[in-house]
Amino acid sequence: MVTKDFLKPWKRSPARRYIFRHANVVDPVDGSIRENATVILRHGVVESVTETSSTDDYGDLAAGAIVIDARGRYLCPGLIDAHVHLTSTPGGRGLADSIKMAPDRSKMRQPFVCQQMLRRGFTSARDCGGATLALKEAIADGVFPGPRLFIAGHALSQTGGHSDFRSADDTHECCGGHITGLGRLVDGVAECMKYAREELRMGADFIKIMTGGGVASPTDALENLQFTTEEIKAITTVAANSRTYVTAHAYTPESIRHAIDNGVLGIEHGNLLDEPTAALMAEKGVFLTPTLITYSEMSSPEWEGFLPPESVQKNQQVLQAGLKSLQIAVAAGVTICFGTDLLGPMGVAQTKEFSLRAKVLTPLQVLQSATINPARLCKQEAFLGQIKPGFAADLLVLTQNPLQDITILDDPDRHLLAVIKEGYVHASRWSKLPEDIAALQRIIE
């Protein structure tokens, strides 16, 4: 008889029990710190959060448990990056190489990208175009480490839209549903419905569409509106029928309203947002996921030549407006999520988004954007984003209080002592807490 262990030889041993005593627990809901707390992790979830007592007796729980004195340390919920592209891996010279890398080459590099993201403290991520069900399942099964994934499959774009990377001189006509790296081209109501359903069939958790121009695509101006009303409504109807939602790439007020008026729940980027449109987003409960760091990095001398000439000017336009749009959104009461959208080799800059947002937001607002807000967007608000009984044992051990200085998350080598996901220690710079994700080897001599 074939056992499950043989079918999936990478299956991990059950997560160990951890008891953290005298910890400072960060609450991103109200910005409080629960001091001198005992946090027990068991079976991959948070079992309890109580006050530490000198007379604590954990009974059977203590047997085989790892008890850690976390005095002076801060336990923070694991971070969620709500806009990544895991299939755009390092190794290419420029934007085109990063987006249109050969699929086999990308697949061989994705485990490295996923592991590095997790080691920076991102225990969950929302991939907005490119990641497959196979990648999501491999991480969930423990084949290799990475953040818990929520995926859009391929983003949907009209011909000549933000996922159409052909130049104006390219006379080759793409057929319906043609895949272009991170997205696929669809035109007309019938194709929009068919390929929205196709992405859901192939494991997409939500649908991503393009309703305006973008920096990376060569032939669409930022001011362009993309898809018709009927096309967007067809996609949002398909998503609603499958009990999920649609998010839209959009920069301008016109493209944002075009999306919202036709049933879209999320807006990606939104750099040119104005006050009336922000008020509409707040009224409709629409989420905004800015991705400031990608424009900052693409304009940096460090990445000179990464963007083709036709994209440089568009990048400057959205870069300069990014922080202002963030202020406008927060003032209007829009729910903000943390996103980075970094492509290819620029993924190393992922944590810099914290320092950028800190220029205009409070530490609590920034932390909420990377914990409880994206948890709501992913419909995981009862399981992710907090350190509470019944929630996933996804947490970070920090040297300092992120609610006093959120930029410590931009310096993991100094301040991130450990990353725990589902009760496993995936990364540790702390002698008290060794990594346990690798299988223990039997000693021969």
Foldseek 3Di string as FASTA:
>chain_A
DDDPCNVPVLAFDFFAKEWEFQEWEAFLPVGHTDGGWIWIAHRQATAAIGHDDPPDDPPPNVVRYAYHHQNLWYKFFFWEAEEEALLQAADDQADLCSQQPDNVVSVVGSLVLFLVVLQLRHQEYEYQFADFPVVQVCCVRNVGHGHRYAYQYAAEFAVLAALNQDAPPDPDDDDQQPHRRRHGHHDDLVSLLVVLVVSVVRPHLEHEYEQAHDLQHQRGDLHDGGDDLNSLLSNQVSQVVVVAFYEYEHAALVSLCSNVVNGHQEYEANLHDDQVSLLVNQVSQHEYEHAQQQLVVCQDPVSPPNGDPSNVVVSVVSNVRRQVRVLSNVVSPHQYAYHHHHGHPVSVQRLCSQVVNVVRDQLSSSLCNTWQRVCVNSVNNVATRGRRRPHGPWIWIFSDDSNVPVCVSSVCVPTTAFTAGSSFTSDGPDPSDDGDSDDDDDDPD
